[in-house]
Protein backbone atom coordinates (compact mmCIF):
# COMPACT_ATOMS: atom_id res chain seq x y z
CA MET A 1 109.65 103.88 109.92
CA PRO A 2 111.14 102.63 106.69
CA LYS A 3 110.24 99.35 105.42
CA PHE A 4 112.22 96.02 105.03
CA ILE A 5 111.55 92.42 103.64
CA SER A 6 113.56 89.51 104.97
CA THR A 7 113.80 85.90 103.83
CA HIS A 8 114.62 82.95 106.24
CA ALA A 9 115.04 79.24 105.38
CA ILE A 10 112.33 77.12 108.15
CA ALA A 11 113.39 73.92 107.52
CA CYS A 12 111.53 71.66 109.32
CA MET A 13 109.02 74.13 110.69
CA THR A 14 105.43 73.12 110.57
CA ARG A 15 102.47 75.69 110.48
CA GLN A 16 101.79 75.68 114.13
CA ASP A 17 105.87 76.68 114.47
CA VAL A 18 105.30 79.59 112.14
CA ALA A 19 101.92 80.62 113.99
CA ARG A 20 103.81 80.65 117.34
CA LEU A 21 106.67 82.33 115.95
CA LEU A 22 104.67 85.06 114.14
CA LYS A 23 102.61 85.36 117.62
CA ARG A 24 106.13 85.90 119.17
CA PHE A 25 107.09 88.75 116.47
CA LYS A 26 103.70 90.38 117.59
CA GLU A 27 104.55 90.17 121.64
CA GLU A 28 107.96 91.73 120.77
CA GLU A 29 107.13 94.43 118.57
CA ASN A 30 107.63 97.84 120.02
CA ALA A 31 108.37 101.35 118.94
CA ASP A 32 111.34 100.37 116.79
CA VAL A 33 110.15 97.38 115.24
CA SER A 34 106.71 96.17 113.60
CA ASN A 35 106.03 93.10 111.42
CA ILE A 36 103.72 93.88 108.70
CA ARG A 37 103.28 90.12 107.53
CA VAL A 38 104.90 87.07 106.86
CA LEU A 39 104.67 84.92 104.12
CA CYS A 40 105.85 81.30 104.22
CA ASP A 41 105.78 78.01 102.25
CA THR A 42 106.54 75.27 104.72
CA LEU A 43 107.06 72.55 101.85
CA SER A 44 110.00 74.45 100.62
CA GLY A 45 111.09 75.72 103.88
CA ARG A 46 111.00 79.36 102.88
CA MET A 47 109.99 82.43 104.86
CA ILE A 48 109.71 86.31 103.75
CA CYS A 49 108.63 89.14 106.33
CA GLU A 50 107.65 92.51 105.88
CA TRP A 51 108.86 94.87 108.71
CA GLU A 52 108.73 98.39 109.92
CA ALA A 53 111.88 99.34 111.73
CA ARG A 54 113.81 102.25 112.89
CA ASP A 55 117.00 101.03 110.81
CA SER A 56 118.48 97.54 109.55
CA VAL A 57 120.98 97.46 112.43
CA THR A 58 117.84 97.65 115.20
CA LEU A 59 116.09 95.25 112.81
CA ILE A 60 118.98 92.69 113.05
CA ALA A 61 119.49 93.25 116.74
CA TRP A 62 115.88 92.49 117.30
CA LEU A 63 115.49 89.57 115.39
CA LYS A 64 118.06 87.97 117.05
CA LYS A 65 116.67 88.24 120.30
CA CYS A 66 113.57 86.46 118.45
CA ASN A 67 116.27 83.68 117.92
CA VAL A 68 115.86 84.39 114.19
CA GLN A 69 119.14 84.96 112.47
CA LEU A 70 120.13 85.77 108.97
CA ARG A 71 122.56 82.78 108.14
CA GLY A 72 124.44 82.37 104.83
CA THR A 73 123.70 83.78 101.34
CA GLY A 74 120.26 82.33 101.31
CA GLU A 75 118.69 84.67 103.87
CA TRP A 76 119.01 88.27 103.50
CA LEU A 77 117.47 91.78 104.52
CA MET A 78 116.62 94.55 102.01
CA THR A 79 115.41 97.64 102.31
CA VAL A 80 112.67 98.84 100.58
CA GLN A 81 113.13 102.15 98.53
CA TYR A 82 110.23 101.83 96.48
CA GLU A 83 107.36 99.53 95.93
CA SER A 84 104.41 99.41 93.02
CA ILE A 85 101.25 100.60 94.51
CA ASP A 86 98.17 101.04 91.75
CA ASP A 87 100.63 100.18 88.89
CA GLU A 88 102.68 103.45 89.94
CA LEU A 89 106.29 103.01 91.61
CA VAL A 90 106.46 104.84 94.94
CA VAL A 91 107.92 105.50 98.13
CA PRO A 92 106.61 102.93 100.50
CA PRO A 93 103.98 104.79 102.59
CA ARG A 94 104.82 104.45 106.32
CA ARG A 95 102.08 103.05 108.89
CA ASN A 96 103.69 104.35 111.90
CA ALA A 97 105.14 107.86 111.19
């Protein structure tokens, strides 16, 4: 499946809130959407998520189901076309072929 990155504002969320959200992501995973990892800074109120999903439309609908929406210009979703692995630019390896 293709890889995606999303950014989200998490103003007022504590570490415990983010942990609950991550748990919800894992519980809601299915054949079309899988969370790879979450990176966040609760002090600045920002979270970056890495995903594998069938496509961006499916991922956006899935996020809405989890009460996570992309709002405004500060939040976005990007398809990962290339990434660096061992100092080489490559097409991302797929975990769920």
